[in-house]
Amino acid sequence: MRLRNIPAAANAIAESEYCVLDYTEHKGEWKEIFGNSHPLAMEIGMGKGRFLMDLARHNPEINYLGVERYGSVLYRALQKIEEYPLDNIRFLCINAEVLPEIFAEGELDKIYLNFSDPWPKDRHAKRRLTSREFLARYDKVLKKDGHLEFKTDNRPLFDFSLQEVEAAGWRLDSYTYDLHHDEKMNIGNIMTEYEEKFSSQGNPICKMIISR
């Protein structure tokens, strides 16, 4: 996907109170960013941030970190949160590959992946956020009783992800190929912008919840 460059994005990120720029200095001490000991959840590839902001509004007792590698996309999230401020959310403009370098073992309580880039070519499989390589990274920073939730409308990516769960030594707790018609798994579901778009086009939404 080609992203339009937004000249104002870099300055907005640098000046925003919601963006953590010195992220390498907080390993093992991320709760101090929020000034409390609440659980810490993260969405990787948060896009414009609607899903994460909705979660934060519904769950003020949980702290949320949003990871987005593209500054031009993160800029859109900053515009939203400036309009509707939240105390329990912060953003990181980083590549998820560096997570083990900036978080201590077991520092995260939960990880969300929503409509991640499918990287459809086989030679790019390691770049998929549900690959065994990335699951190994999450294993280092997620609590032992923590969970990862993944949603997508891309069936090939979902099938790949199901295979990677076992290969990476994780446990498949639950999954569905049609979330919005699954009474149990759809309870409390918060939709992303992509989820609304794709489901309105008739695309079933797949979801899995995994742990170790």
C-alpha atoms as a PDB file:
ATOM      1  CA  MET A   1       0.000   0.000   0.000  1.00  0.00           C
ATOM      2  CA  ARG A   2       1.363   3.373  -0.989  1.00  0.00           C
ATOM      3  CA  LEU A   3       0.974   6.008   1.702  1.00  0.00           C
ATOM      4  CA  ARG A   4       0.681   9.703   1.054  1.00  0.00           C
ATOM      5  CA  ASN A   5       3.378  11.723   2.768  1.00  0.00           C
ATOM      6  CA  ILE A   6       2.021  14.285   5.214  1.00  0.00           C
ATOM      7  CA  PRO A   7       4.643  16.966   5.941  1.00  0.00           C
ATOM      8  CA  ALA A   8       3.004  17.943   9.236  1.00  0.00           C
ATOM      9  CA  ALA A   9       3.122  14.396  10.622  1.00  0.00           C
ATOM     10  CA  ALA A  10       6.701  14.398  11.934  1.00  0.00           C
ATOM     11  CA  ASN A  11       6.280  17.616  13.910  1.00  0.00           C
ATOM     12  CA  ALA A  12       2.893  16.522  15.257  1.00  0.00           C
ATOM     13  CA  ILE A  13       4.356  13.247  16.522  1.00  0.00           C
ATOM     14  CA  ALA A  14       7.374  14.987  18.059  1.00  0.00           C
ATOM     15  CA  GLU A  15       5.204  17.515  19.897  1.00  0.00           C
ATOM     16  CA  SER A  16       2.306  15.314  21.007  1.00  0.00           C
ATOM     17  CA  GLU A  17       1.963  14.358  24.653  1.00  0.00           C
ATOM     18  CA  TYR A  18       0.444  11.077  23.487  1.00  0.00           C
ATOM     19  CA  CYS A  19       3.543   9.903  21.589  1.00  0.00           C
ATOM     20  CA  VAL A  20       6.375   8.217  23.464  1.00  0.00           C
ATOM     21  CA  LEU A  21       9.578   9.163  21.675  1.00  0.00           C
ATOM     22  CA  ASP A  22      12.163   7.935  24.199  1.00  0.00           C
ATOM     23  CA  TYR A  23      10.744   4.406  24.110  1.00  0.00           C
ATOM     24  CA  THR A  24      14.155   2.730  24.526  1.00  0.00           C
ATOM     25  CA  GLU A  25      14.423   4.198  28.028  1.00  0.00           C
ATOM     26  CA  HIS A  26      11.314   2.635  29.546  1.00  0.00           C
ATOM     27  CA  LYS A  27      11.992  -1.095  29.389  1.00  0.00           C
ATOM     28  CA  GLY A  28      10.492  -2.671  32.483  1.00  0.00           C
ATOM     29  CA  GLU A  29       8.989   0.644  33.587  1.00  0.00           C
ATOM     30  CA  TRP A  30       6.185   1.299  31.110  1.00  0.00           C
ATOM     31  CA  LYS A  31       3.525   1.636  33.801  1.00  0.00           C
ATOM     32  CA  GLU A  32       5.311   4.773  34.991  1.00  0.00           C
ATOM     33  CA  ILE A  33       4.301   6.416  31.714  1.00  0.00           C
ATOM     34  CA  PHE A  34       0.700   6.245  32.915  1.00  0.00           C
ATOM     35  CA  GLY A  35       1.408   6.836  36.588  1.00  0.00           C
ATOM     36  CA  ASN A  36      -0.465   3.745  37.785  1.00  0.00           C
ATOM     37  CA  SER A  37      -0.216  -0.045  37.971  1.00  0.00           C
ATOM     38  CA  HIS A  38      -3.118  -0.876  35.649  1.00  0.00           C
ATOM     39  CA  PRO A  39      -2.801  -3.747  33.127  1.00  0.00           C
ATOM     40  CA  LEU A  40      -1.060  -2.834  29.885  1.00  0.00           C
ATOM     41  CA  ALA A  41      -2.464  -3.831  26.477  1.00  0.00           C
ATOM     42  CA  MET A  42      -1.108  -3.087  23.015  1.00  0.00           C
ATOM     43  CA  GLU A  43      -2.472  -2.931  19.492  1.00  0.00           C
ATOM     44  CA  ILE A  44       0.132  -3.490  16.792  1.00  0.00           C
ATOM     45  CA  GLY A  45      -0.651  -1.823  13.489  1.00  0.00           C
ATOM     46  CA  MET A  46      -3.340   0.413  14.965  1.00  0.00           C
ATOM     47  CA  GLY A  47      -3.910   2.491  11.818  1.00  0.00           C
ATOM     48  CA  LYS A  48      -5.970   5.604  12.562  1.00  0.00           C
ATOM     49  CA  GLY A  49      -6.599   4.395  16.090  1.00  0.00           C
ATOM     50  CA  ARG A  50     -10.370   4.101  16.278  1.00  0.00           C
ATOM     51  CA  PHE A  51     -10.410   0.559  17.714  1.00  0.00           C
ATOM     52  CA  LEU A  52      -7.830   1.378  20.390  1.00  0.00           C
ATOM     53  CA  MET A  53      -9.536   4.615  21.383  1.00  0.00           C
ATOM     54  CA  ASP A  54     -12.877   2.840  21.698  1.00  0.00           C
ATOM     55  CA  LEU A  55     -11.229   0.209  23.918  1.00  0.00           C
ATOM     56  CA  ALA A  56      -9.640   2.904  26.064  1.00  0.00           C
ATOM     57  CA  ARG A  57     -12.958   4.709  26.499  1.00  0.00           C
ATOM     58  CA  HIS A  58     -14.755   1.494  27.482  1.00  0.00           C
ATOM     59  CA  ASN A  59     -11.972   0.320  29.830  1.00  0.00           C
ATOM     60  CA  PRO A  60     -10.492   3.224  31.824  1.00  0.00           C
ATOM     61  CA  GLU A  61      -8.929   0.698  34.231  1.00  0.00           C
ATOM     62  CA  ILE A  62      -6.612  -0.568  31.468  1.00  0.00           C
ATOM     63  CA  ASN A  63      -3.684   1.274  29.861  1.00  0.00           C
ATOM     64  CA  TYR A  64      -3.276   1.021  26.091  1.00  0.00           C
ATOM     65  CA  LEU A  65      -0.316   1.412  23.769  1.00  0.00           C
ATOM     66  CA  GLY A  66      -0.830   1.794  20.040  1.00  0.00           C
ATOM     67  CA  VAL A  67       1.954   0.836  17.636  1.00  0.00           C
ATOM     68  CA  GLU A  68       1.939   2.275  14.124  1.00  0.00           C
ATOM     69  CA  ARG A  69       5.065   2.306  11.991  1.00  0.00           C
ATOM     70  CA  TYR A  70       3.876   4.930   9.501  1.00  0.00           C
ATOM     71  CA  GLY A  71       3.930   8.501  10.750  1.00  0.00           C
ATOM     72  CA  SER A  72       1.405   9.676   8.174  1.00  0.00           C
ATOM     73  CA  VAL A  73      -1.114   7.152   9.550  1.00  0.00           C
ATOM     74  CA  LEU A  74      -0.333   7.881  13.194  1.00  0.00           C
ATOM     75  CA  TYR A  75      -0.932  11.553  12.439  1.00  0.00           C
ATOM     76  CA  ARG A  76      -4.595  10.765  11.752  1.00  0.00           C
ATOM     77  CA  ALA A  77      -4.872   9.082  15.153  1.00  0.00           C
ATOM     78  CA  LEU A  78      -3.391  12.155  16.813  1.00  0.00           C
ATOM     79  CA  GLN A  79      -5.997  14.350  15.173  1.00  0.00           C
ATOM     80  CA  LYS A  80      -8.735  12.127  16.618  1.00  0.00           C
ATOM     81  CA  ILE A  81      -7.403  11.949  20.148  1.00  0.00           C
ATOM     82  CA  GLU A  82      -6.785  15.674  20.371  1.00  0.00           C
ATOM     83  CA  GLU A  83     -10.507  16.067  19.768  1.00  0.00           C
ATOM     84  CA  TYR A  84     -11.481  13.415  22.342  1.00  0.00           C
ATOM     85  CA  PRO A  85      -8.639  13.212  24.926  1.00  0.00           C
ATOM     86  CA  LEU A  86      -7.934  10.011  26.861  1.00  0.00           C
ATOM     87  CA  ASP A  87      -5.588   9.530  29.822  1.00  0.00           C
ATOM     88  CA  ASN A  88      -5.036   5.799  29.366  1.00  0.00           C
ATOM     89  CA  ILE A  89      -3.553   5.689  25.877  1.00  0.00           C
ATOM     90  CA  ARG A  90      -0.139   6.383  24.330  1.00  0.00           C
ATOM     91  CA  PHE A  91       1.315   5.855  20.852  1.00  0.00           C
ATOM     92  CA  LEU A  92       4.588   4.505  19.475  1.00  0.00           C
ATOM     93  CA  CYS A  93       5.820   5.093  15.925  1.00  0.00           C
ATOM     94  CA  ILE A  94       7.981   1.974  15.613  1.00  0.00           C
ATOM     95  CA  ASN A  95       8.375  -1.327  13.789  1.00  0.00           C
ATOM     96  CA  ALA A  96       7.037  -4.219  15.876  1.00  0.00           C
ATOM     97  CA  GLU A  97      10.299  -6.098  15.345  1.00  0.00           C
ATOM     98  CA  VAL A  98      11.881  -4.049  18.147  1.00  0.00           C
ATOM     99  CA  LEU A  99       9.355  -5.000  20.848  1.00  0.00           C
ATOM    100  CA  PRO A 100      11.754  -7.286  22.783  1.00  0.00           C
ATOM    101  CA  GLU A 101      14.240  -4.426  22.899  1.00  0.00           C
ATOM    102  CA  ILE A 102      11.886  -1.958  24.565  1.00  0.00           C
ATOM    103  CA  PHE A 103       9.683  -4.153  26.779  1.00  0.00           C
ATOM    104  CA  ALA A 104      10.710  -6.393  29.639  1.00  0.00           C
ATOM    105  CA  GLU A 105       9.676 -10.034  29.876  1.00  0.00           C
ATOM    106  CA  GLY A 106       5.969 -10.286  30.683  1.00  0.00           C
ATOM    107  CA  GLU A 107       5.399  -6.538  30.647  1.00  0.00           C
ATOM    108  CA  LEU A 108       2.333  -6.678  28.386  1.00  0.00           C
ATOM    109  CA  ASP A 109      -0.976  -8.202  29.463  1.00  0.00           C
ATOM    110  CA  LYS A 110      -2.611  -8.425  26.040  1.00  0.00           C
ATOM    111  CA  ILE A 111      -1.843  -7.888  22.352  1.00  0.00           C
ATOM    112  CA  TYR A 112      -4.302  -7.040  19.582  1.00  0.00           C
ATOM    113  CA  LEU A 113      -3.681  -7.515  15.856  1.00  0.00           C
ATOM    114  CA  ASN A 114      -6.374  -6.210  13.522  1.00  0.00           C
ATOM    115  CA  PHE A 115      -6.451  -6.525   9.742  1.00  0.00           C
ATOM    116  CA  SER A 116      -2.690  -6.749   9.480  1.00  0.00           C
ATOM    117  CA  ASP A 117      -0.859  -6.494   6.161  1.00  0.00           C
ATOM    118  CA  PRO A 118      -1.144 -10.000   4.614  1.00  0.00           C
ATOM    119  CA  TRP A 119       2.215  -9.838   2.814  1.00  0.00           C
ATOM    120  CA  PRO A 120       0.800 -12.291   0.226  1.00  0.00           C
ATOM    121  CA  LYS A 121       4.078 -13.402  -1.365  1.00  0.00           C
ATOM    122  CA  ASP A 122       5.577 -16.522   0.192  1.00  0.00           C
ATOM    123  CA  ARG A 123       9.023 -14.963   0.449  1.00  0.00           C
ATOM    124  CA  HIS A 124       7.553 -12.297   2.736  1.00  0.00           C
ATOM    125  CA  ALA A 125       5.903 -14.731   5.166  1.00  0.00           C
ATOM    126  CA  LYS A 126       8.268 -13.775   7.984  1.00  0.00           C
ATOM    127  CA  ARG A 127       6.960 -10.216   7.831  1.00  0.00           C
ATOM    128  CA  ARG A 128       3.404 -11.238   8.672  1.00  0.00           C
ATOM    129  CA  LEU A 129       2.532 -10.165  12.194  1.00  0.00           C
ATOM    130  CA  THR A 130       1.149 -13.638  12.951  1.00  0.00           C
ATOM    131  CA  SER A 131       4.219 -15.514  11.694  1.00  0.00           C
ATOM    132  CA  ARG A 132       6.151 -17.779  14.061  1.00  0.00           C
ATOM    133  CA  GLU A 133       8.946 -15.188  14.002  1.00  0.00           C
ATOM    134  CA  PHE A 134       6.672 -12.482  15.369  1.00  0.00           C
ATOM    135  CA  LEU A 135       4.972 -14.881  17.779  1.00  0.00           C
ATOM    136  CA  ALA A 136       8.420 -15.545  19.233  1.00  0.00           C
ATOM    137  CA  ARG A 137       8.823 -11.807  19.792  1.00  0.00           C
ATOM    138  CA  TYR A 138       5.438 -11.539  21.488  1.00  0.00           C
ATOM    139  CA  ASP A 139       6.342 -14.510  23.681  1.00  0.00           C
ATOM    140  CA  LYS A 140       9.168 -12.453  25.185  1.00  0.00           C
ATOM    141  CA  VAL A 141       7.038  -9.477  26.209  1.00  0.00           C
ATOM    142  CA  LEU A 142       3.588 -10.976  26.948  1.00  0.00           C
ATOM    143  CA  LYS A 143       2.693 -12.259  30.406  1.00  0.00           C
ATOM    144  CA  LYS A 144       2.607 -16.035  30.713  1.00  0.00           C
ATOM    145  CA  ASP A 145      -1.170 -15.940  31.161  1.00  0.00           C
ATOM    146  CA  GLY A 146      -1.601 -13.199  28.568  1.00  0.00           C
ATOM    147  CA  HIS A 147      -3.559 -13.491  25.320  1.00  0.00           C
ATOM    148  CA  LEU A 148      -3.283 -12.334  21.750  1.00  0.00           C
ATOM    149  CA  GLU A 149      -6.370 -11.547  19.652  1.00  0.00           C
ATOM    150  CA  PHE A 150      -6.249 -11.391  15.859  1.00  0.00           C
ATOM    151  CA  LYS A 151      -8.960 -10.332  13.408  1.00  0.00           C
ATOM    152  CA  THR A 152      -8.882 -10.287   9.601  1.00  0.00           C
ATOM    153  CA  ASP A 153     -11.103 -10.694   6.574  1.00  0.00           C
ATOM    154  CA  ASN A 154      -8.234 -12.316   4.650  1.00  0.00           C
ATOM    155  CA  ARG A 155      -8.887 -16.069   4.711  1.00  0.00           C
ATOM    156  CA  PRO A 156      -5.472 -17.144   3.363  1.00  0.00           C
ATOM    157  CA  LEU A 157      -3.752 -15.047   6.032  1.00  0.00           C
ATOM    158  CA  PHE A 158      -6.031 -16.483   8.708  1.00  0.00           C
ATOM    159  CA  ASP A 159      -5.348 -20.072   7.625  1.00  0.00           C
ATOM    160  CA  PHE A 160      -1.622 -19.314   7.633  1.00  0.00           C
ATOM    161  CA  SER A 161      -1.947 -17.831  11.120  1.00  0.00           C
ATOM    162  CA  LEU A 162      -3.733 -20.904  12.474  1.00  0.00           C
ATOM    163  CA  GLN A 163      -0.863 -23.073  11.247  1.00  0.00           C
ATOM    164  CA  GLU A 164       1.739 -20.773  12.801  1.00  0.00           C
ATOM    165  CA  VAL A 165       0.116 -20.992  16.240  1.00  0.00           C
ATOM    166  CA  GLU A 166       1.039 -24.659  16.649  1.00  0.00           C
ATOM    167  CA  ALA A 167       4.395 -24.265  14.914  1.00  0.00           C
ATOM    168  CA  ALA A 168       5.333 -21.495  17.353  1.00  0.00           C
ATOM    169  CA  GLY A 169       4.294 -23.534  20.397  1.00  0.00           C
ATOM    170  CA  TRP A 170       1.248 -21.402  21.230  1.00  0.00           C
ATOM    171  CA  ARG A 171      -2.233 -22.622  22.144  1.00  0.00           C
ATOM    172  CA  LEU A 172      -5.349 -21.915  20.094  1.00  0.00           C
ATOM    173  CA  ASP A 173      -7.983 -20.955  22.679  1.00  0.00           C
ATOM    174  CA  SER A 174     -10.813 -20.139  20.281  1.00  0.00           C
ATOM    175  CA  TYR A 175     -11.396 -19.169  16.670  1.00  0.00           C
ATOM    176  CA  THR A 176     -14.136 -18.468  14.160  1.00  0.00           C
ATOM    177  CA  TYR A 177     -14.408 -17.909  10.424  1.00  0.00           C
ATOM    178  CA  ASP A 178     -17.464 -15.684  10.821  1.00  0.00           C
ATOM    179  CA  LEU A 179     -17.169 -13.492  13.902  1.00  0.00           C
ATOM    180  CA  HIS A 180     -20.334 -11.464  13.445  1.00  0.00           C
ATOM    181  CA  HIS A 181     -22.434 -14.643  13.334  1.00  0.00           C
ATOM    182  CA  ASP A 182     -20.638 -16.328  16.221  1.00  0.00           C
ATOM    183  CA  GLU A 183     -22.779 -15.537  19.282  1.00  0.00           C
ATOM    184  CA  LYS A 184     -20.090 -16.375  21.801  1.00  0.00           C
ATOM    185  CA  MET A 185     -17.033 -14.738  20.230  1.00  0.00           C
ATOM    186  CA  ASN A 186     -18.922 -11.651  19.084  1.00  0.00           C
ATOM    187  CA  ILE A 187     -19.929 -10.663  22.618  1.00  0.00           C
ATOM    188  CA  GLY A 188     -18.436  -7.249  23.355  1.00  0.00           C
ATOM    189  CA  ASN A 189     -16.773  -7.042  19.945  1.00  0.00           C
ATOM    190  CA  ILE A 190     -15.471  -3.574  19.088  1.00  0.00           C
ATOM    191  CA  MET A 191     -15.200  -3.059  15.358  1.00  0.00           C
ATOM    192  CA  THR A 192     -12.341  -1.397  13.553  1.00  0.00           C
ATOM    193  CA  GLU A 193     -12.813   0.890  10.561  1.00  0.00           C
ATOM    194  CA  TYR A 194     -11.672  -1.885   8.231  1.00  0.00           C
ATOM    195  CA  GLU A 195     -13.997  -4.339   9.934  1.00  0.00           C
ATOM    196  CA  GLU A 196     -17.003  -2.130   9.282  1.00  0.00           C
ATOM    197  CA  LYS A 197     -15.967  -1.613   5.683  1.00  0.00           C
ATOM    198  CA  PHE A 198     -15.262  -5.248   4.836  1.00  0.00           C
ATOM    199  CA  SER A 199     -18.262  -6.684   6.671  1.00  0.00           C
ATOM    200  CA  SER A 200     -20.559  -4.197   4.910  1.00  0.00           C
ATOM    201  CA  GLN A 201     -19.246  -5.646   1.648  1.00  0.00           C
ATOM    202  CA  GLY A 202     -20.301  -9.121   2.776  1.00  0.00           C
ATOM    203  CA  ASN A 203     -16.847 -10.354   3.791  1.00  0.00           C
ATOM    204  CA  PRO A 204     -16.904 -12.638   6.863  1.00  0.00           C
ATOM    205  CA  ILE A 205     -14.518 -11.624   9.629  1.00  0.00           C
ATOM    206  CA  CYS A 206     -12.167 -14.249  11.058  1.00  0.00           C
ATOM    207  CA  LYS A 207     -10.907 -14.100  14.613  1.00  0.00           C
ATOM    208  CA  MET A 208      -8.643 -16.150  16.828  1.00  0.00           C
ATOM    209  CA  ILE A 209      -7.551 -15.876  20.461  1.00  0.00           C
ATOM    210  CA  ILE A 210      -4.274 -17.555  21.399  1.00  0.00           C
ATOM    211  CA  SER A 211      -2.058 -17.977  24.437  1.00  0.00           C
ATOM    212  CA  ARG A 212       0.895 -20.088  25.601  1.00  0.00           C
END
